[in-house]
PDB file of N, CA and C in Angstrom:
ATOM      1  N   MET A   1      40.213 -22.601   9.009  1.00  0.00           N
ATOM      2  CA  MET A   1      39.037 -21.741   8.711  1.00  0.00           C
ATOM      3  C   MET A   1      39.123 -20.238   7.929  1.00  0.00           C
ATOM      4  N   VAL A   2      38.468 -20.125   7.387  1.00  0.00           N
ATOM      5  CA  VAL A   2      38.450 -18.635   6.624  1.00  0.00           C
ATOM      6  C   VAL A   2      37.677 -17.581   7.731  1.00  0.00           C
ATOM      7  N   GLU A   3      38.410 -16.907   8.041  1.00  0.00           N
ATOM      8  CA  GLU A   3      37.457 -15.406   8.762  1.00  0.00           C
ATOM      9  C   GLU A   3      36.876 -14.340   7.456  1.00  0.00           C
ATOM     10  N   HIS A   4      36.294 -13.861   8.179  1.00  0.00           N
ATOM     11  CA  HIS A   4      34.984 -12.814   7.080  1.00  0.00           C
ATOM     12  C   HIS A   4      35.144 -11.436   7.513  1.00  0.00           C
ATOM     13  N   HIS A   5      36.409 -10.766   7.617  1.00  0.00           N
ATOM     14  CA  HIS A   5      36.212  -9.859   7.971  1.00  0.00           C
ATOM     15  C   HIS A   5      35.800  -8.251   7.296  1.00  0.00           C
ATOM     16  N   HIS A   6      34.912  -7.774   7.892  1.00  0.00           N
ATOM     17  CA  HIS A   6      34.036  -6.331   6.935  1.00  0.00           C
ATOM     18  C   HIS A   6      34.235  -5.581   8.015  1.00  0.00           C
ATOM     19  N   ASP A   7      34.558  -4.584   7.231  1.00  0.00           N
ATOM     20  CA  ASP A   7      34.475  -3.125   7.566  1.00  0.00           C
ATOM     21  C   ASP A   7      33.053  -2.117   6.770  1.00  0.00           C
ATOM     22  N   SER A   8      32.161  -2.796   7.099  1.00  0.00           N
ATOM     23  CA  SER A   8      31.225  -1.812   6.804  1.00  0.00           C
ATOM     24  C   SER A   8      30.639  -1.389   8.057  1.00  0.00           C
ATOM     25  N   ALA A   9      29.800  -0.485   8.013  1.00  0.00           N
ATOM     26  CA  ALA A   9      28.958   0.656   9.263  1.00  0.00           C
ATOM     27  C   ALA A   9      28.397  -0.188  10.229  1.00  0.00           C
ATOM     28  N   ILE A  10      27.583  -1.481   9.789  1.00  0.00           N
ATOM     29  CA  ILE A  10      27.266  -2.371  10.652  1.00  0.00           C
ATOM     30  C   ILE A  10      28.014  -2.993  11.824  1.00  0.00           C
ATOM     31  N   GLU A  11      29.040  -3.343  11.087  1.00  0.00           N
ATOM     32  CA  GLU A  11      30.155  -3.951  12.127  1.00  0.00           C
ATOM     33  C   GLU A  11      31.064  -2.887  13.122  1.00  0.00           C
ATOM     34  N   THR A  12      31.032  -1.851  12.544  1.00  0.00           N
ATOM     35  CA  THR A  12      31.553  -0.370  13.413  1.00  0.00           C
ATOM     36  C   THR A  12      30.557  -0.070  14.303  1.00  0.00           C
ATOM     37  N   GLY A  13      29.214  -0.313  14.315  1.00  0.00           N
ATOM     38  CA  GLY A  13      28.284   0.204  15.044  1.00  0.00           C
ATOM     39  C   GLY A  13      27.649   1.337  15.468  1.00  0.00           C
ATOM     40  N   ALA A  14      28.385   1.660  14.003  1.00  0.00           N
ATOM     41  CA  ALA A  14      27.610   3.393  13.150  1.00  0.00           C
ATOM     42  C   ALA A  14      26.111   3.614  14.107  1.00  0.00           C
ATOM     43  N   GLU A  15      26.266   4.826  14.435  1.00  0.00           N
ATOM     44  CA  GLU A  15      24.651   5.805  14.438  1.00  0.00           C
ATOM     45  C   GLU A  15      23.028   4.908  13.375  1.00  0.00           C
ATOM     46  N   MET A  16      22.773   4.441  13.886  1.00  0.00           N
ATOM     47  CA  MET A  16      21.225   4.508  13.252  1.00  0.00           C
ATOM     48  C   MET A  16      20.522   5.788  13.036  1.00  0.00           C
ATOM     49  N   ASP A  17      19.961   5.989  11.627  1.00  0.00           N
ATOM     50  CA  ASP A  17      18.963   6.935  11.342  1.00  0.00           C
ATOM     51  C   ASP A  17      17.572   7.109  12.087  1.00  0.00           C
ATOM     52  N   TYR A  18      16.918   6.686  13.244  1.00  0.00           N
ATOM     53  CA  TYR A  18      15.805   6.241  13.633  1.00  0.00           C
ATOM     54  C   TYR A  18      14.748   7.015  13.113  1.00  0.00           C
ATOM     55  N   GLY A  19      14.721   8.317  12.825  1.00  0.00           N
ATOM     56  CA  GLY A  19      14.083   9.277  12.096  1.00  0.00           C
ATOM     57  C   GLY A  19      13.542   8.807  10.620  1.00  0.00           C
ATOM     58  N   GLN A  20      14.607   8.336  10.063  1.00  0.00           N
ATOM     59  CA  GLN A  20      14.678   8.035   8.773  1.00  0.00           C
ATOM     60  C   GLN A  20      13.875   7.171   8.471  1.00  0.00           C
ATOM     61  N   HIS A  21      14.363   6.074   9.751  1.00  0.00           N
ATOM     62  CA  HIS A  21      13.522   4.537   9.535  1.00  0.00           C
ATOM     63  C   HIS A  21      12.380   4.604   9.617  1.00  0.00           C
ATOM     64  N   GLU A  22      11.802   5.587  10.923  1.00  0.00           N
ATOM     65  CA  GLU A  22      10.152   5.495  11.048  1.00  0.00           C
ATOM     66  C   GLU A  22       9.519   6.517   9.751  1.00  0.00           C
ATOM     67  N   LYS A  23      10.553   6.867   9.094  1.00  0.00           N
ATOM     68  CA  LYS A  23       9.617   7.587   7.589  1.00  0.00           C
ATOM     69  C   LYS A  23       9.547   6.519   6.659  1.00  0.00           C
ATOM     70  N   THR A  24      10.168   6.357   6.614  1.00  0.00           N
ATOM     71  CA  THR A  24      10.402   4.857   5.899  1.00  0.00           C
ATOM     72  C   THR A  24       9.207   4.242   6.106  1.00  0.00           C
ATOM     73  N   TYR A  25       9.228   3.686   7.035  1.00  0.00           N
ATOM     74  CA  TYR A  25       8.338   2.566   7.771  1.00  0.00           C
ATOM     75  C   TYR A  25       6.779   3.100   6.917  1.00  0.00           C
ATOM     76  N   SER A  26       6.550   4.084   7.915  1.00  0.00           N
ATOM     77  CA  SER A  26       5.121   5.218   7.724  1.00  0.00           C
ATOM     78  C   SER A  26       4.946   5.611   6.394  1.00  0.00           C
ATOM     79  N   THR A  27       5.561   5.285   5.559  1.00  0.00           N
ATOM     80  CA  THR A  27       5.366   5.390   3.795  1.00  0.00           C
ATOM     81  C   THR A  27       4.693   4.390   3.480  1.00  0.00           C
ATOM     82  N   PHE A  28       5.469   2.946   3.990  1.00  0.00           N
ATOM     83  CA  PHE A  28       5.678   1.922   3.341  1.00  0.00           C
ATOM     84  C   PHE A  28       4.226   1.358   3.847  1.00  0.00           C
ATOM     85  N   VAL A  29       3.549   1.722   4.739  1.00  0.00           N
ATOM     86  CA  VAL A  29       2.469   1.303   5.589  1.00  0.00           C
ATOM     87  C   VAL A  29       1.502   2.330   5.151  1.00  0.00           C
ATOM     88  N   SER A  30       1.706   3.694   4.744  1.00  0.00           N
ATOM     89  CA  SER A  30       0.541   4.071   3.917  1.00  0.00           C
ATOM     90  C   SER A  30       0.288   3.814   2.513  1.00  0.00           C
ATOM     91  N   LEU A  31       1.438   3.391   1.471  1.00  0.00           N
ATOM     92  CA  LEU A  31       0.931   2.751   0.467  1.00  0.00           C
ATOM     93  C   LEU A  31       0.764   1.488   0.277  1.00  0.00           C
ATOM     94  N   THR A  32       0.741   1.035   1.023  1.00  0.00           N
ATOM     95  CA  THR A  32       0.026  -0.494   1.461  1.00  0.00           C
ATOM     96  C   THR A  32      -1.278  -0.726   1.582  1.00  0.00           C
ATOM     97  N   LYS A  33      -1.456   0.287   2.731  1.00  0.00           N
ATOM     98  CA  LYS A  33      -3.206   0.904   2.761  1.00  0.00           C
ATOM     99  C   LYS A  33      -3.845   1.150   1.538  1.00  0.00           C
ATOM    100  N   TRP A  34      -3.522   2.276   1.092  1.00  0.00           N
ATOM    101  CA  TRP A  34      -3.828   2.380  -0.785  1.00  0.00           C
ATOM    102  C   TRP A  34      -3.689   1.488  -1.489  1.00  0.00           C
ATOM    103  N   SER A  35      -2.201   0.891  -1.201  1.00  0.00           N
ATOM    104  CA  SER A  35      -2.549  -0.217  -2.629  1.00  0.00           C
ATOM    105  C   SER A  35      -3.922  -1.663  -2.431  1.00  0.00           C
ATOM    106  N   VAL A  36      -3.751  -2.186  -1.108  1.00  0.00           N
ATOM    107  CA  VAL A  36      -4.858  -2.851  -1.004  1.00  0.00           C
ATOM    108  C   VAL A  36      -6.171  -2.197  -1.016  1.00  0.00           C
ATOM    109  N   LEU A  37      -6.367  -0.934  -0.113  1.00  0.00           N
ATOM    110  CA  LEU A  37      -7.911  -0.227  -1.201  1.00  0.00           C
ATOM    111  C   LEU A  37      -8.193  -0.493  -2.440  1.00  0.00           C
ATOM    112  N   ILE A  38      -7.363   0.560  -3.127  1.00  0.00           N
ATOM    113  CA  ILE A  38      -7.114   0.221  -4.598  1.00  0.00           C
ATOM    114  C   ILE A  38      -7.762  -1.002  -4.890  1.00  0.00           C
ATOM    115  N   ASN A  39      -7.275  -2.047  -4.923  1.00  0.00           N
ATOM    116  CA  ASN A  39      -7.361  -3.397  -5.521  1.00  0.00           C
ATOM    117  C   ASN A  39      -8.272  -3.904  -4.850  1.00  0.00           C
ATOM    118  N   VAL A  40      -9.257  -3.745  -3.318  1.00  0.00           N
ATOM    119  CA  VAL A  40     -10.157  -4.372  -3.356  1.00  0.00           C
ATOM    120  C   VAL A  40     -11.179  -3.868  -3.961  1.00  0.00           C
ATOM    121  N   VAL A  41     -11.538  -2.789  -4.068  1.00  0.00           N
ATOM    122  CA  VAL A  41     -12.393  -1.298  -4.788  1.00  0.00           C
ATOM    123  C   VAL A  41     -12.367  -1.794  -6.139  1.00  0.00           C
ATOM    124  N   LEU A  42     -11.132  -1.792  -6.929  1.00  0.00           N
ATOM    125  CA  LEU A  42     -11.661  -2.652  -8.366  1.00  0.00           C
ATOM    126  C   LEU A  42     -12.169  -3.718  -8.521  1.00  0.00           C
ATOM    127  N   LEU A  43     -11.546  -4.972  -7.547  1.00  0.00           N
ATOM    128  CA  LEU A  43     -12.378  -5.757  -7.832  1.00  0.00           C
ATOM    129  C   LEU A  43     -13.793  -6.165  -7.414  1.00  0.00           C
ATOM    130  N   ILE A  44     -14.311  -5.000  -6.974  1.00  0.00           N
ATOM    131  CA  ILE A  44     -16.024  -5.269  -6.685  1.00  0.00           C
ATOM    132  C   ILE A  44     -16.398  -4.365  -7.321  1.00  0.00           C
ATOM    133  N   ALA A  45     -15.631  -2.894  -8.173  1.00  0.00           N
ATOM    134  CA  ALA A  45     -16.210  -2.471  -8.981  1.00  0.00           C
ATOM    135  C   ALA A  45     -16.504  -3.731 -10.604  1.00  0.00           C
ATOM    136  N   MET A  46     -15.290  -4.515 -10.729  1.00  0.00           N
ATOM    137  CA  MET A  46     -15.172  -5.465 -12.122  1.00  0.00           C
ATOM    138  C   MET A  46     -15.931  -6.590 -11.646  1.00  0.00           C
ATOM    139  N   ALA A  47     -16.595  -6.775 -10.609  1.00  0.00           N
ATOM    140  CA  ALA A  47     -17.724  -7.787 -10.218  1.00  0.00           C
ATOM    141  C   ALA A  47     -19.125  -7.506 -10.665  1.00  0.00           C
ATOM    142  N   PHE A  48     -19.064  -5.848 -10.051  1.00  0.00           N
ATOM    143  CA  PHE A  48     -20.389  -5.346 -10.554  1.00  0.00           C
ATOM    144  C   PHE A  48     -20.661  -5.223 -12.082  1.00  0.00           C
ATOM    145  N   PHE A  49     -19.377  -4.802 -12.499  1.00  0.00           N
ATOM    146  CA  PHE A  49     -19.727  -4.615 -14.142  1.00  0.00           C
ATOM    147  C   PHE A  49     -20.229  -6.255 -14.820  1.00  0.00           C
ATOM    148  N   PHE A  50     -19.235  -7.224 -14.235  1.00  0.00           N
ATOM    149  CA  PHE A  50     -19.355  -8.238 -15.142  1.00  0.00           C
ATOM    150  C   PHE A  50     -20.489  -9.420 -14.501  1.00  0.00           C
ATOM    151  N   PHE A  51     -20.521  -9.280 -13.406  1.00  0.00           N
ATOM    152  CA  PHE A  51     -21.854 -10.212 -13.706  1.00  0.00           C
ATOM    153  C   PHE A  51     -23.005  -9.792 -12.772  1.00  0.00           C
ATOM    154  N   THR A  52     -23.722  -7.895 -13.053  1.00  0.00           N
ATOM    155  CA  THR A  52     -24.786  -7.614 -13.267  1.00  0.00           C
ATOM    156  C   THR A  52     -25.392  -7.159 -14.670  1.00  0.00           C
ATOM    157  N   SER A  53     -25.950  -6.662 -14.580  1.00  0.00           N
ATOM    158  CA  SER A  53     -26.746  -5.670 -15.912  1.00  0.00           C
ATOM    159  C   SER A  53     -26.380  -5.086 -15.955  1.00  0.00           C
ATOM    160  N   ALA A  54     -25.545  -4.216 -14.745  1.00  0.00           N
ATOM    161  CA  ALA A  54     -25.889  -2.521 -14.786  1.00  0.00           C
ATOM    162  C   ALA A  54     -25.037  -1.505 -15.475  1.00  0.00           C
ATOM    163  N   GLY A  55     -23.822  -2.102 -15.915  1.00  0.00           N
ATOM    164  CA  GLY A  55     -23.015  -1.954 -17.279  1.00  0.00           C
ATOM    165  C   GLY A  55     -22.338  -0.681 -15.950  1.00  0.00           C
ATOM    166  N   PHE A  56     -21.095  -0.274 -17.827  1.00  0.00           N
ATOM    167  CA  PHE A  56     -19.951   0.192 -17.211  1.00  0.00           C
ATOM    168  C   PHE A  56     -19.665   1.470 -16.492  1.00  0.00           C
ATOM    169  N   PHE A  57     -20.548   2.528 -16.689  1.00  0.00           N
ATOM    170  CA  PHE A  57     -20.466   3.447 -16.334  1.00  0.00           C
ATOM    171  C   PHE A  57     -21.173   3.377 -14.493  1.00  0.00           C
ATOM    172  N   SER A  58     -22.306   2.596 -14.476  1.00  0.00           N
ATOM    173  CA  SER A  58     -22.486   2.169 -13.226  1.00  0.00           C
ATOM    174  C   SER A  58     -21.339   1.760 -12.276  1.00  0.00           C
ATOM    175  N   SER A  59     -20.628   0.945 -12.742  1.00  0.00           N
ATOM    176  CA  SER A  59     -19.450   0.442 -12.165  1.00  0.00           C
ATOM    177  C   SER A  59     -17.890   1.170 -11.879  1.00  0.00           C
ATOM    178  N   ILE A  60     -18.246   2.272 -12.904  1.00  0.00           N
ATOM    179  CA  ILE A  60     -17.500   3.816 -12.445  1.00  0.00           C
ATOM    180  C   ILE A  60     -17.849   4.423 -11.518  1.00  0.00           C
ATOM    181  N   ILE A  61     -18.956   4.698 -11.770  1.00  0.00           N
ATOM    182  CA  ILE A  61     -19.388   5.250 -10.494  1.00  0.00           C
ATOM    183  C   ILE A  61     -19.388   4.754  -8.578  1.00  0.00           C
ATOM    184  N   LEU A  62     -19.368   3.088  -8.693  1.00  0.00           N
ATOM    185  CA  LEU A  62     -19.793   2.566  -8.263  1.00  0.00           C
ATOM    186  C   LEU A  62     -17.692   2.530  -7.505  1.00  0.00           C
ATOM    187  N   PHE A  63     -17.427   2.399  -8.342  1.00  0.00           N
ATOM    188  CA  PHE A  63     -15.600   2.489  -7.956  1.00  0.00           C
ATOM    189  C   PHE A  63     -15.719   3.861  -7.285  1.00  0.00           C
ATOM    190  N   ILE A  64     -15.851   4.983  -7.724  1.00  0.00           N
ATOM    191  CA  ILE A  64     -15.570   6.222  -6.930  1.00  0.00           C
ATOM    192  C   ILE A  64     -16.072   6.478  -5.947  1.00  0.00           C
ATOM    193  N   ILE A  65     -17.246   6.001  -5.384  1.00  0.00           N
ATOM    194  CA  ILE A  65     -18.518   5.665  -4.186  1.00  0.00           C
ATOM    195  C   ILE A  65     -17.000   5.164  -3.258  1.00  0.00           C
ATOM    196  N   LEU A  66     -17.274   3.883  -3.492  1.00  0.00           N
ATOM    197  CA  LEU A  66     -16.256   2.881  -2.899  1.00  0.00           C
ATOM    198  C   LEU A  66     -14.561   3.864  -2.583  1.00  0.00           C
ATOM    199  N   MET A  67     -14.158   4.087  -3.607  1.00  0.00           N
ATOM    200  CA  MET A  67     -13.068   4.710  -3.073  1.00  0.00           C
ATOM    201  C   MET A  67     -13.492   5.956  -2.128  1.00  0.00           C
ATOM    202  N   ALA A  68     -14.160   6.748  -1.970  1.00  0.00           N
ATOM    203  CA  ALA A  68     -13.994   7.811  -0.968  1.00  0.00           C
ATOM    204  C   ALA A  68     -14.937   7.215   0.066  1.00  0.00           C
ATOM    205  N   VAL A  69     -15.492   5.968   0.612  1.00  0.00           N
ATOM    206  CA  VAL A  69     -15.481   5.820   1.511  1.00  0.00           C
ATOM    207  C   VAL A  69     -14.252   5.280   2.017  1.00  0.00           C
ATOM    208  N   GLY A  70     -13.963   4.826   1.195  1.00  0.00           N
ATOM    209  CA  GLY A  70     -12.264   3.940   1.979  1.00  0.00           C
ATOM    210  C   GLY A  70     -11.395   5.237   2.343  1.00  0.00           C
ATOM    211  N   TYR A  71     -11.331   6.265   1.958  1.00  0.00           N
ATOM    212  CA  TYR A  71     -10.838   7.355   2.170  1.00  0.00           C
ATOM    213  C   TYR A  71     -10.880   7.579   3.788  1.00  0.00           C
ATOM    214  N   PHE A  72     -12.272   7.702   3.317  1.00  0.00           N
ATOM    215  CA  PHE A  72     -12.844   8.276   4.827  1.00  0.00           C
ATOM    216  C   PHE A  72     -12.155   7.073   6.251  1.00  0.00           C
ATOM    217  N   PHE A  73     -11.835   6.187   6.016  1.00  0.00           N
ATOM    218  CA  PHE A  73     -12.077   4.650   6.693  1.00  0.00           C
ATOM    219  C   PHE A  73     -10.291   4.769   7.261  1.00  0.00           C
ATOM    220  N   ILE A  74      -9.331   5.051   6.235  1.00  0.00           N
ATOM    221  CA  ILE A  74      -7.812   4.797   6.316  1.00  0.00           C
ATOM    222  C   ILE A  74      -7.391   5.857   7.116  1.00  0.00           C
ATOM    223  N   LYS A  75      -7.804   6.810   6.772  1.00  0.00           N
ATOM    224  CA  LYS A  75      -7.610   8.088   6.992  1.00  0.00           C
ATOM    225  C   LYS A  75      -7.362   8.196   9.094  1.00  0.00           C
TER     226      LYS A  75
END
């Protein structure tokens, strides 16, 4: 049988930088929340534009209003 020998930091038990891990996780969660908000609001505004007779500028105004409301909910 072949034995695999690794000399990496994981195998030697190196110290982890938990502060950096938490910062990365926080950034990931924040970007996920913002991307979900943008996608949902964009889909709502597009549906408003395509399926009503309100028009393009009304859907842009709806997009801005929903983004403002979403901003206060995710902050």
